[in-house]
């Protein structure tokens, strides 16, 4: 299913992706794509692909982003709001690093905070572009903007809820469930 749907989506998406890449490059100096190490299935690290939505920086600072973050570019604000910055992850699906549906991949720093048994169960499946947590936390950046310490709020308030969604997904995943999540994701994006 991943391969068939990804190929079907990628071919018509290529002109849009080319236009977005050009816009990102014209909007601010730096590459069109952002790559970052994430933890994949079985704990194997991989580099996720997204359209760059922030000014190029040295990588220091928080690894979560709150709404209004000064690092976000003009193009990046729109790409994040529409979730089109995630389109290059179709490449990660084709490579086999990700699935269309599955727990969102975390950076190693946050994955290390998961309890061993929780981490093992979540990492027993490929990470996904979307899942129920991604739908529920679609406005995560706004939630974090209200916190005095966005990273702490992410770790203490957001991560535990996401973990429950991830564990539920792993325990109950089905093809019908994945199709429902894909449908719900499209519906949420069109709202």
C-alpha atoms as a PDB file:
ATOM      1  CA  UNK A   1       0.000   0.000   0.000  1.00  0.00           C
ATOM      2  CA  UNK A   2       2.797   2.432   0.891  1.00  0.00           C
ATOM      3  CA  UNK A   3       4.544   2.001  -2.434  1.00  0.00           C
ATOM      4  CA  UNK A   4       1.393   2.158  -4.574  1.00  0.00           C
ATOM      5  CA  UNK A   5      -0.089   5.215  -2.841  1.00  0.00           C
ATOM      6  CA  UNK A   6       3.254   7.007  -2.640  1.00  0.00           C
ATOM      7  CA  UNK A   7       3.958   6.556  -6.342  1.00  0.00           C
ATOM      8  CA  UNK A   8       0.422   7.667  -7.153  1.00  0.00           C
ATOM      9  CA  UNK A   9       0.838  10.793  -4.994  1.00  0.00           C
ATOM     10  CA  UNK A  10       4.434  11.593  -5.907  1.00  0.00           C
ATOM     11  CA  UNK A  11       4.025  11.837  -9.680  1.00  0.00           C
ATOM     12  CA  UNK A  12       1.344  14.565  -9.650  1.00  0.00           C
ATOM     13  CA  UNK A  13       3.039  16.232  -6.647  1.00  0.00           C
ATOM     14  CA  UNK A  14       6.407  16.696  -8.411  1.00  0.00           C
ATOM     15  CA  UNK A  15       5.498  20.020 -10.123  1.00  0.00           C
ATOM     16  CA  UNK A  16       4.160  21.366  -6.813  1.00  0.00           C
ATOM     17  CA  UNK A  17       7.298  20.182  -5.006  1.00  0.00           C
ATOM     18  CA  UNK A  18       9.504  21.882  -7.622  1.00  0.00           C
ATOM     19  CA  UNK A  19       7.582  25.142  -7.196  1.00  0.00           C
ATOM     20  CA  UNK A  20       7.837  24.936  -3.404  1.00  0.00           C
ATOM     21  CA  UNK A  21      11.580  24.199  -3.599  1.00  0.00           C
ATOM     22  CA  UNK A  22      12.090  27.281  -5.773  1.00  0.00           C
ATOM     23  CA  UNK A  23      10.000  29.421  -3.413  1.00  0.00           C
ATOM     24  CA  UNK A  24      11.977  28.237  -0.365  1.00  0.00           C
ATOM     25  CA  UNK A  25      15.274  29.053  -2.111  1.00  0.00           C
ATOM     26  CA  UNK A  26      14.059  32.515  -3.191  1.00  0.00           C
ATOM     27  CA  UNK A  27      12.575  33.327   0.219  1.00  0.00           C
ATOM     28  CA  UNK A  28      15.773  32.873   2.241  1.00  0.00           C
ATOM     29  CA  UNK A  29      19.349  31.741   1.691  1.00  0.00           C
ATOM     30  CA  UNK A  30      20.006  28.032   2.023  1.00  0.00           C
ATOM     31  CA  UNK A  31      18.918  24.710   0.608  1.00  0.00           C
ATOM     32  CA  UNK A  32      15.313  23.889  -0.255  1.00  0.00           C
ATOM     33  CA  UNK A  33      15.333  20.712   1.808  1.00  0.00           C
ATOM     34  CA  UNK A  34      15.946  20.273   5.513  1.00  0.00           C
ATOM     35  CA  UNK A  35      17.291  16.926   6.686  1.00  0.00           C
ATOM     36  CA  UNK A  36      17.408  15.835  10.288  1.00  0.00           C
ATOM     37  CA  UNK A  37      18.274  12.626  12.061  1.00  0.00           C
ATOM     38  CA  UNK A  38      15.270  10.783  13.442  1.00  0.00           C
ATOM     39  CA  UNK A  39      14.858   7.393  15.082  1.00  0.00           C
ATOM     40  CA  UNK A  40      13.295   4.788  12.803  1.00  0.00           C
ATOM     41  CA  UNK A  41      12.059   1.225  13.039  1.00  0.00           C
ATOM     42  CA  UNK A  42      14.111  -0.900  15.398  1.00  0.00           C
ATOM     43  CA  UNK A  43      15.916   2.197  16.675  1.00  0.00           C
ATOM     44  CA  UNK A  44      17.813   2.620  13.392  1.00  0.00           C
ATOM     45  CA  UNK A  45      18.534   6.293  12.728  1.00  0.00           C
ATOM     46  CA  UNK A  46      17.616   7.840   9.380  1.00  0.00           C
ATOM     47  CA  UNK A  47      17.536  11.318   7.901  1.00  0.00           C
ATOM     48  CA  UNK A  48      14.053  12.708   7.384  1.00  0.00           C
ATOM     49  CA  UNK A  49      13.389  15.117   4.491  1.00  0.00           C
ATOM     50  CA  UNK A  50      11.218  18.225   4.724  1.00  0.00           C
ATOM     51  CA  UNK A  51      11.074  21.525   2.931  1.00  0.00           C
ATOM     52  CA  UNK A  52      13.161  23.990   4.921  1.00  0.00           C
ATOM     53  CA  UNK A  53      10.898  26.320   6.882  1.00  0.00           C
ATOM     54  CA  UNK A  54      13.515  28.043   9.029  1.00  0.00           C
ATOM     55  CA  UNK A  55      16.483  30.273   8.438  1.00  0.00           C
ATOM     56  CA  UNK A  56      19.701  28.264   8.239  1.00  0.00           C
ATOM     57  CA  UNK A  57      21.298  28.068  11.681  1.00  0.00           C
ATOM     58  CA  UNK A  58      23.865  25.941  13.474  1.00  0.00           C
ATOM     59  CA  UNK A  59      21.310  23.505  14.916  1.00  0.00           C
ATOM     60  CA  UNK A  60      21.697  24.645  18.504  1.00  0.00           C
ATOM     61  CA  UNK A  61      18.668  25.638  20.508  1.00  0.00           C
ATOM     62  CA  UNK A  62      15.336  23.906  21.025  1.00  0.00           C
ATOM     63  CA  UNK A  63      14.290  21.126  18.679  1.00  0.00           C
ATOM     64  CA  UNK A  64      10.631  22.046  19.024  1.00  0.00           C
ATOM     65  CA  UNK A  65       9.080  25.043  17.336  1.00  0.00           C
ATOM     66  CA  UNK A  66       6.395  27.285  18.727  1.00  0.00           C
ATOM     67  CA  UNK A  67       4.154  29.566  16.667  1.00  0.00           C
ATOM     68  CA  UNK A  68       5.815  32.934  16.183  1.00  0.00           C
ATOM     69  CA  UNK A  69       9.351  31.494  16.381  1.00  0.00           C
ATOM     70  CA  UNK A  70      11.655  34.066  14.776  1.00  0.00           C
ATOM     71  CA  UNK A  71      13.596  31.287  13.023  1.00  0.00           C
ATOM     72  CA  UNK A  72      10.619  30.529  10.743  1.00  0.00           C
ATOM     73  CA  UNK A  73      10.795  32.056   7.258  1.00  0.00           C
ATOM     74  CA  UNK A  74       7.883  33.725   5.459  1.00  0.00           C
ATOM     75  CA  UNK A  75       7.492  30.713   3.178  1.00  0.00           C
ATOM     76  CA  UNK A  76       7.933  28.471   6.193  1.00  0.00           C
ATOM     77  CA  UNK A  77       4.916  29.924   8.002  1.00  0.00           C
ATOM     78  CA  UNK A  78       2.656  28.986   5.101  1.00  0.00           C
ATOM     79  CA  UNK A  79       4.294  25.605   4.510  1.00  0.00           C
ATOM     80  CA  UNK A  80       3.906  24.676   8.176  1.00  0.00           C
ATOM     81  CA  UNK A  81       0.289  25.834   8.290  1.00  0.00           C
ATOM     82  CA  UNK A  82      -0.615  23.749   5.231  1.00  0.00           C
ATOM     83  CA  UNK A  83       1.736  20.859   6.186  1.00  0.00           C
ATOM     84  CA  UNK A  84       3.198  20.973   2.675  1.00  0.00           C
ATOM     85  CA  UNK A  85       6.661  21.054   4.272  1.00  0.00           C
ATOM     86  CA  UNK A  86       6.108  17.310   4.853  1.00  0.00           C
ATOM     87  CA  UNK A  87       5.772  16.414   1.133  1.00  0.00           C
ATOM     88  CA  UNK A  88       9.439  15.365   0.716  1.00  0.00           C
ATOM     89  CA  UNK A  89       8.798  12.568   3.213  1.00  0.00           C
ATOM     90  CA  UNK A  90       7.241  10.693   0.307  1.00  0.00           C
ATOM     91  CA  UNK A  91      10.886  10.099  -0.670  1.00  0.00           C
ATOM     92  CA  UNK A  92      11.499   8.604   2.784  1.00  0.00           C
ATOM     93  CA  UNK A  93       8.559   6.258   2.218  1.00  0.00           C
ATOM     94  CA  UNK A  94       9.984   5.155  -1.139  1.00  0.00           C
ATOM     95  CA  UNK A  95      13.362   4.534   0.509  1.00  0.00           C
ATOM     96  CA  UNK A  96      11.667   2.338   3.125  1.00  0.00           C
ATOM     97  CA  UNK A  97      12.610   4.551   6.080  1.00  0.00           C
ATOM     98  CA  UNK A  98       9.014   5.628   6.675  1.00  0.00           C
ATOM     99  CA  UNK A  99       5.463   4.535   6.043  1.00  0.00           C
ATOM    100  CA  UNK A 100       2.507   6.707   5.092  1.00  0.00           C
ATOM    101  CA  UNK A 101       0.872   5.934   8.447  1.00  0.00           C
ATOM    102  CA  UNK A 102       2.673   5.241  11.696  1.00  0.00           C
ATOM    103  CA  UNK A 103       4.008   6.977  14.794  1.00  0.00           C
ATOM    104  CA  UNK A 104       5.769  10.221  13.873  1.00  0.00           C
ATOM    105  CA  UNK A 105       9.555   9.803  14.138  1.00  0.00           C
ATOM    106  CA  UNK A 106      11.279  11.610  16.982  1.00  0.00           C
ATOM    107  CA  UNK A 107      14.754  13.088  17.175  1.00  0.00           C
ATOM    108  CA  UNK A 108      17.132  10.917  19.233  1.00  0.00           C
ATOM    109  CA  UNK A 109      17.196  13.450  22.075  1.00  0.00           C
ATOM    110  CA  UNK A 110      13.463  13.053  22.747  1.00  0.00           C
ATOM    111  CA  UNK A 111      13.272   9.349  21.926  1.00  0.00           C
ATOM    112  CA  UNK A 112      15.882   8.765  24.660  1.00  0.00           C
ATOM    113  CA  UNK A 113      13.330  10.097  27.184  1.00  0.00           C
ATOM    114  CA  UNK A 114      10.842   7.297  26.420  1.00  0.00           C
ATOM    115  CA  UNK A 115      10.735   4.354  28.824  1.00  0.00           C
ATOM    116  CA  UNK A 116      12.581   1.342  27.360  1.00  0.00           C
ATOM    117  CA  UNK A 117       9.463  -0.815  26.927  1.00  0.00           C
ATOM    118  CA  UNK A 118       7.507   2.074  25.362  1.00  0.00           C
ATOM    119  CA  UNK A 119      10.372   2.899  22.987  1.00  0.00           C
ATOM    120  CA  UNK A 120      10.714  -0.761  21.967  1.00  0.00           C
ATOM    121  CA  UNK A 121       6.983  -1.090  21.162  1.00  0.00           C
ATOM    122  CA  UNK A 122       6.758   2.203  19.264  1.00  0.00           C
ATOM    123  CA  UNK A 123       9.889   1.423  17.258  1.00  0.00           C
ATOM    124  CA  UNK A 124       8.569  -2.008  16.297  1.00  0.00           C
ATOM    125  CA  UNK A 125       6.853  -0.359  13.294  1.00  0.00           C
ATOM    126  CA  UNK A 126       8.047   2.095  10.661  1.00  0.00           C
ATOM    127  CA  UNK A 127       7.465   5.724  11.564  1.00  0.00           C
ATOM    128  CA  UNK A 128       4.848   7.469   9.477  1.00  0.00           C
ATOM    129  CA  UNK A 129       4.120  10.739   7.746  1.00  0.00           C
ATOM    130  CA  UNK A 130       0.808  10.881   9.575  1.00  0.00           C
ATOM    131  CA  UNK A 131      -1.005   9.252  12.464  1.00  0.00           C
ATOM    132  CA  UNK A 132      -3.799  10.066  14.894  1.00  0.00           C
ATOM    133  CA  UNK A 133      -1.440  12.140  17.071  1.00  0.00           C
ATOM    134  CA  UNK A 134      -0.449  14.262  14.058  1.00  0.00           C
ATOM    135  CA  UNK A 135      -4.121  14.951  13.392  1.00  0.00           C
ATOM    136  CA  UNK A 136      -4.909  15.755  17.031  1.00  0.00           C
ATOM    137  CA  UNK A 137      -1.802  17.938  17.446  1.00  0.00           C
ATOM    138  CA  UNK A 138      -2.131  19.697  14.092  1.00  0.00           C
ATOM    139  CA  UNK A 139      -1.833  23.044  15.922  1.00  0.00           C
ATOM    140  CA  UNK A 140       0.967  21.927  18.242  1.00  0.00           C
ATOM    141  CA  UNK A 141       2.999  25.060  17.492  1.00  0.00           C
ATOM    142  CA  UNK A 142       0.208  27.288  18.838  1.00  0.00           C
ATOM    143  CA  UNK A 143      -0.071  25.172  21.980  1.00  0.00           C
ATOM    144  CA  UNK A 144       3.673  25.493  22.567  1.00  0.00           C
ATOM    145  CA  UNK A 145       3.592  29.256  21.893  1.00  0.00           C
ATOM    146  CA  UNK A 146       1.493  29.699  25.044  1.00  0.00           C
ATOM    147  CA  UNK A 147       4.150  28.005  27.195  1.00  0.00           C
ATOM    148  CA  UNK A 148       6.940  29.921  28.899  1.00  0.00           C
ATOM    149  CA  UNK A 149       9.286  27.029  28.070  1.00  0.00           C
ATOM    150  CA  UNK A 150       8.089  25.362  24.824  1.00  0.00           C
ATOM    151  CA  UNK A 151      10.562  22.480  25.024  1.00  0.00           C
ATOM    152  CA  UNK A 152       9.560  21.618  28.582  1.00  0.00           C
ATOM    153  CA  UNK A 153       5.874  21.840  27.620  1.00  0.00           C
ATOM    154  CA  UNK A 154       6.532  19.464  24.719  1.00  0.00           C
ATOM    155  CA  UNK A 155       8.306  16.942  26.942  1.00  0.00           C
ATOM    156  CA  UNK A 156       5.881  17.113  29.866  1.00  0.00           C
ATOM    157  CA  UNK A 157       2.498  17.710  28.197  1.00  0.00           C
ATOM    158  CA  UNK A 158       2.658  16.740  24.531  1.00  0.00           C
ATOM    159  CA  UNK A 159       4.983  13.726  24.458  1.00  0.00           C
ATOM    160  CA  UNK A 160       2.997  11.627  26.988  1.00  0.00           C
ATOM    161  CA  UNK A 161      -0.222  12.080  24.983  1.00  0.00           C
ATOM    162  CA  UNK A 162       1.539  11.293  21.706  1.00  0.00           C
ATOM    163  CA  UNK A 163       3.047   8.166  23.272  1.00  0.00           C
ATOM    164  CA  UNK A 164      -0.441   6.906  24.151  1.00  0.00           C
ATOM    165  CA  UNK A 165      -1.582   7.455  20.554  1.00  0.00           C
ATOM    166  CA  UNK A 166       1.535   5.685  19.249  1.00  0.00           C
ATOM    167  CA  UNK A 167       1.084   2.695  21.569  1.00  0.00           C
ATOM    168  CA  UNK A 168      -2.597   2.427  20.630  1.00  0.00           C
ATOM    169  CA  UNK A 169      -1.648   2.490  16.942  1.00  0.00           C
ATOM    170  CA  UNK A 170       0.957  -0.258  17.332  1.00  0.00           C
ATOM    171  CA  UNK A 171      -1.454  -2.449  19.318  1.00  0.00           C
ATOM    172  CA  UNK A 172      -4.434  -1.997  16.985  1.00  0.00           C
ATOM    173  CA  UNK A 173      -3.044  -1.251  13.524  1.00  0.00           C
ATOM    174  CA  UNK A 174      -4.934  -2.526  10.511  1.00  0.00           C
ATOM    175  CA  UNK A 175      -5.126  -1.660   6.829  1.00  0.00           C
ATOM    176  CA  UNK A 176      -8.632  -0.257   7.368  1.00  0.00           C
ATOM    177  CA  UNK A 177      -7.331   1.835  10.268  1.00  0.00           C
ATOM    178  CA  UNK A 178      -4.471   3.193   8.150  1.00  0.00           C
ATOM    179  CA  UNK A 179      -6.881   4.137   5.364  1.00  0.00           C
ATOM    180  CA  UNK A 180      -9.115   5.907   7.904  1.00  0.00           C
ATOM    181  CA  UNK A 181      -6.113   7.881   9.241  1.00  0.00           C
ATOM    182  CA  UNK A 182      -5.123   8.859   5.695  1.00  0.00           C
ATOM    183  CA  UNK A 183      -8.701   9.997   5.001  1.00  0.00           C
ATOM    184  CA  UNK A 184      -8.878  11.906   8.312  1.00  0.00           C
ATOM    185  CA  UNK A 185      -5.531  13.565   7.561  1.00  0.00           C
ATOM    186  CA  UNK A 186      -6.700  14.789   4.162  1.00  0.00           C
ATOM    187  CA  UNK A 187      -9.946  16.024   5.703  1.00  0.00           C
ATOM    188  CA  UNK A 188      -8.055  17.882   8.467  1.00  0.00           C
ATOM    189  CA  UNK A 189      -5.740  19.508   5.921  1.00  0.00           C
ATOM    190  CA  UNK A 190      -8.666  20.712   3.823  1.00  0.00           C
ATOM    191  CA  UNK A 191     -10.377  22.343   6.798  1.00  0.00           C
END
